[in-house]
Structure formats: C-alpha cells, structure tokens
Amino acid sequence: MTTAFEVIAEPARREILDLLIDGPRPVGELVAGTGLSQPNTSRHLRILRDAGLVEFTPQGQRRLYELRPEGVVELVRWLEPYRRLWRDGLDALERHLDGKE
C-alpha cells in the first residue's frame, strides 16, 4: 500500500492538491493550472484518488475533482508535533517583541 507521503512526494501531485485547495475543479482546469498534458494530469489524479486524497463527482461529461479532508489525516497527524514547535516558537517571539521576556 502506498502512503500519502509517497504520493505527495511527486511535485506535480502537490501542485494538483494546491489547485484543489480552493474547491472542486474539472480536469481541464487542472491541466491548464499545471501545464501538464491531459493524460498526465489524469494519471496523477488516479494516483491521488487511489491514495484517498481526492475524489470526483461526475457532472455531465465532466468530472469535478476535490480534496478529501479525511485523506490528509495521515499527513496532519505527522505534522502535529511540528505545529506545536512552530506555535511555541511564535509565542516566544511575540513575548520577546512585546518586551515580556
């Protein structure tokens, strides 16, 4: 089984995810946004879909792709300790700048 980390190691897939963060998009918009060919974009979308990171909804002859929030749980869990570090560091910086440290 491929992990979410292995899937997003590919820059083109991260770019697709970045495009989907604002909401669902048809494949044509993803092709235009990435500069990849339509077959290449579809291949990456299939890999993202198989990993549970995206899903699609048929809309006539088009497919609208969107992020699956539950698909990024593995990534969020891994990042959580680092988020605490960033937050603690930013809190310390704020205290320092406010002259409270």
Protein backbone atom coordinates (compact mmCIF):
# COMPACT_ATOMS: atom_id res chain seq x y z
CA MET A 1 0.00 0.00 0.00
CA THR A 2 1.27 3.44 -0.93
CA THR A 3 1.32 6.06 1.82
CA ALA A 4 0.11 9.62 1.41
CA PHE A 5 3.72 10.74 1.86
CA GLU A 6 4.88 8.63 -1.07
CA VAL A 7 2.07 10.01 -3.22
CA ILE A 8 2.75 13.67 -2.43
CA ALA A 9 6.48 13.22 -2.95
CA GLU A 10 5.74 13.90 -6.64
CA PRO A 11 5.74 17.70 -7.24
CA ALA A 12 3.01 17.52 -9.90
CA ARG A 13 0.65 15.86 -7.42
CA ARG A 14 1.34 18.51 -4.80
CA GLU A 15 0.59 21.14 -7.44
CA ILE A 16 -2.76 19.47 -8.19
CA LEU A 17 -3.58 19.40 -4.47
CA ASP A 18 -2.68 23.09 -4.23
CA LEU A 19 -5.10 23.85 -7.07
CA LEU A 20 -7.86 21.89 -5.35
CA ILE A 21 -7.50 23.61 -2.00
CA ASP A 22 -9.89 26.37 -3.10
CA GLY A 23 -12.58 23.94 -4.16
CA PRO A 24 -13.59 21.42 -6.82
CA ARG A 25 -12.21 21.80 -10.35
CA PRO A 26 -12.72 19.98 -13.63
CA VAL A 27 -9.78 18.16 -15.17
CA GLY A 28 -9.43 20.84 -17.86
CA GLU A 29 -8.72 23.50 -15.24
CA LEU A 30 -6.17 21.24 -13.58
CA VAL A 31 -4.47 20.67 -16.94
CA ALA A 32 -4.31 24.43 -17.52
CA GLY A 33 -3.14 25.11 -13.98
CA THR A 34 -0.32 22.57 -14.00
CA GLY A 35 0.78 22.80 -17.62
CA LEU A 36 0.77 19.01 -17.80
CA SER A 37 -0.85 17.10 -20.62
CA GLN A 38 -4.39 15.81 -20.08
CA PRO A 39 -3.26 12.14 -19.94
CA ASN A 40 -0.50 13.01 -17.46
CA THR A 41 -2.90 15.01 -15.28
CA SER A 42 -5.41 12.14 -15.35
CA ARG A 43 -2.69 9.67 -14.34
CA HIS A 44 -1.74 11.81 -11.34
CA LEU A 45 -5.41 12.25 -10.41
CA ARG A 46 -5.89 8.47 -10.48
CA ILE A 47 -2.92 8.02 -8.12
CA LEU A 48 -4.26 10.75 -5.80
CA ARG A 49 -7.72 9.14 -5.91
CA ASP A 50 -6.32 5.65 -5.21
CA ALA A 51 -4.49 7.09 -2.18
CA GLY A 52 -7.75 8.62 -0.91
CA LEU A 53 -6.54 12.22 -1.22
CA VAL A 54 -9.06 13.31 -3.87
CA GLU A 55 -12.44 12.21 -5.15
CA PHE A 56 -14.53 13.15 -8.13
CA THR A 57 -18.15 13.86 -8.83
CA PRO A 58 -19.49 13.31 -12.34
CA GLN A 59 -21.07 16.44 -13.78
CA GLY A 60 -22.44 15.64 -17.21
CA GLN A 61 -19.47 14.56 -19.29
CA ARG A 62 -17.00 16.20 -16.91
CA ARG A 63 -15.57 15.08 -13.61
CA LEU A 64 -15.14 17.59 -10.82
CA TYR A 65 -12.22 16.69 -8.59
CA GLU A 66 -11.97 17.81 -4.99
CA LEU A 67 -9.85 17.17 -1.92
CA ARG A 68 -10.91 14.57 0.61
CA PRO A 69 -10.13 16.12 4.01
CA GLU A 70 -10.11 12.69 5.64
CA GLY A 71 -7.46 11.68 3.12
CA VAL A 72 -4.89 14.03 4.61
CA VAL A 73 -5.32 12.78 8.19
CA GLU A 74 -2.06 10.81 7.99
CA LEU A 75 -0.21 13.96 6.96
CA VAL A 76 -1.82 16.12 9.64
CA ARG A 77 -1.03 13.61 12.39
CA TRP A 78 2.60 13.54 11.36
CA LEU A 79 2.81 17.35 11.23
CA GLU A 80 1.10 17.98 14.59
CA PRO A 81 4.27 17.87 16.75
CA TYR A 82 5.94 20.31 14.36
CA ARG A 83 2.96 22.64 14.51
CA ARG A 84 3.37 22.75 18.29
CA LEU A 85 7.04 23.67 17.83
CA TRP A 86 6.14 26.46 15.41
CA ARG A 87 3.38 27.73 17.68
CA ASP A 88 5.65 27.68 20.76
CA GLY A 89 8.37 29.47 18.81
CA LEU A 90 5.97 32.12 17.57
CA ASP A 91 4.59 32.61 21.08
CA ALA A 92 8.13 33.11 22.40
CA LEU A 93 8.86 35.59 19.61
CA GLU A 94 5.68 37.52 20.41
CA ARG A 95 6.60 37.68 24.11
CA HIS A 96 10.08 38.87 23.18
CA LEU A 97 8.76 41.56 20.85
CA ASP A 98 6.26 42.69 23.49
CA GLY A 99 9.13 43.00 25.97
CA LYS A 100 7.67 40.38 28.30
CA GLU A 101 10.63 38.06 28.15
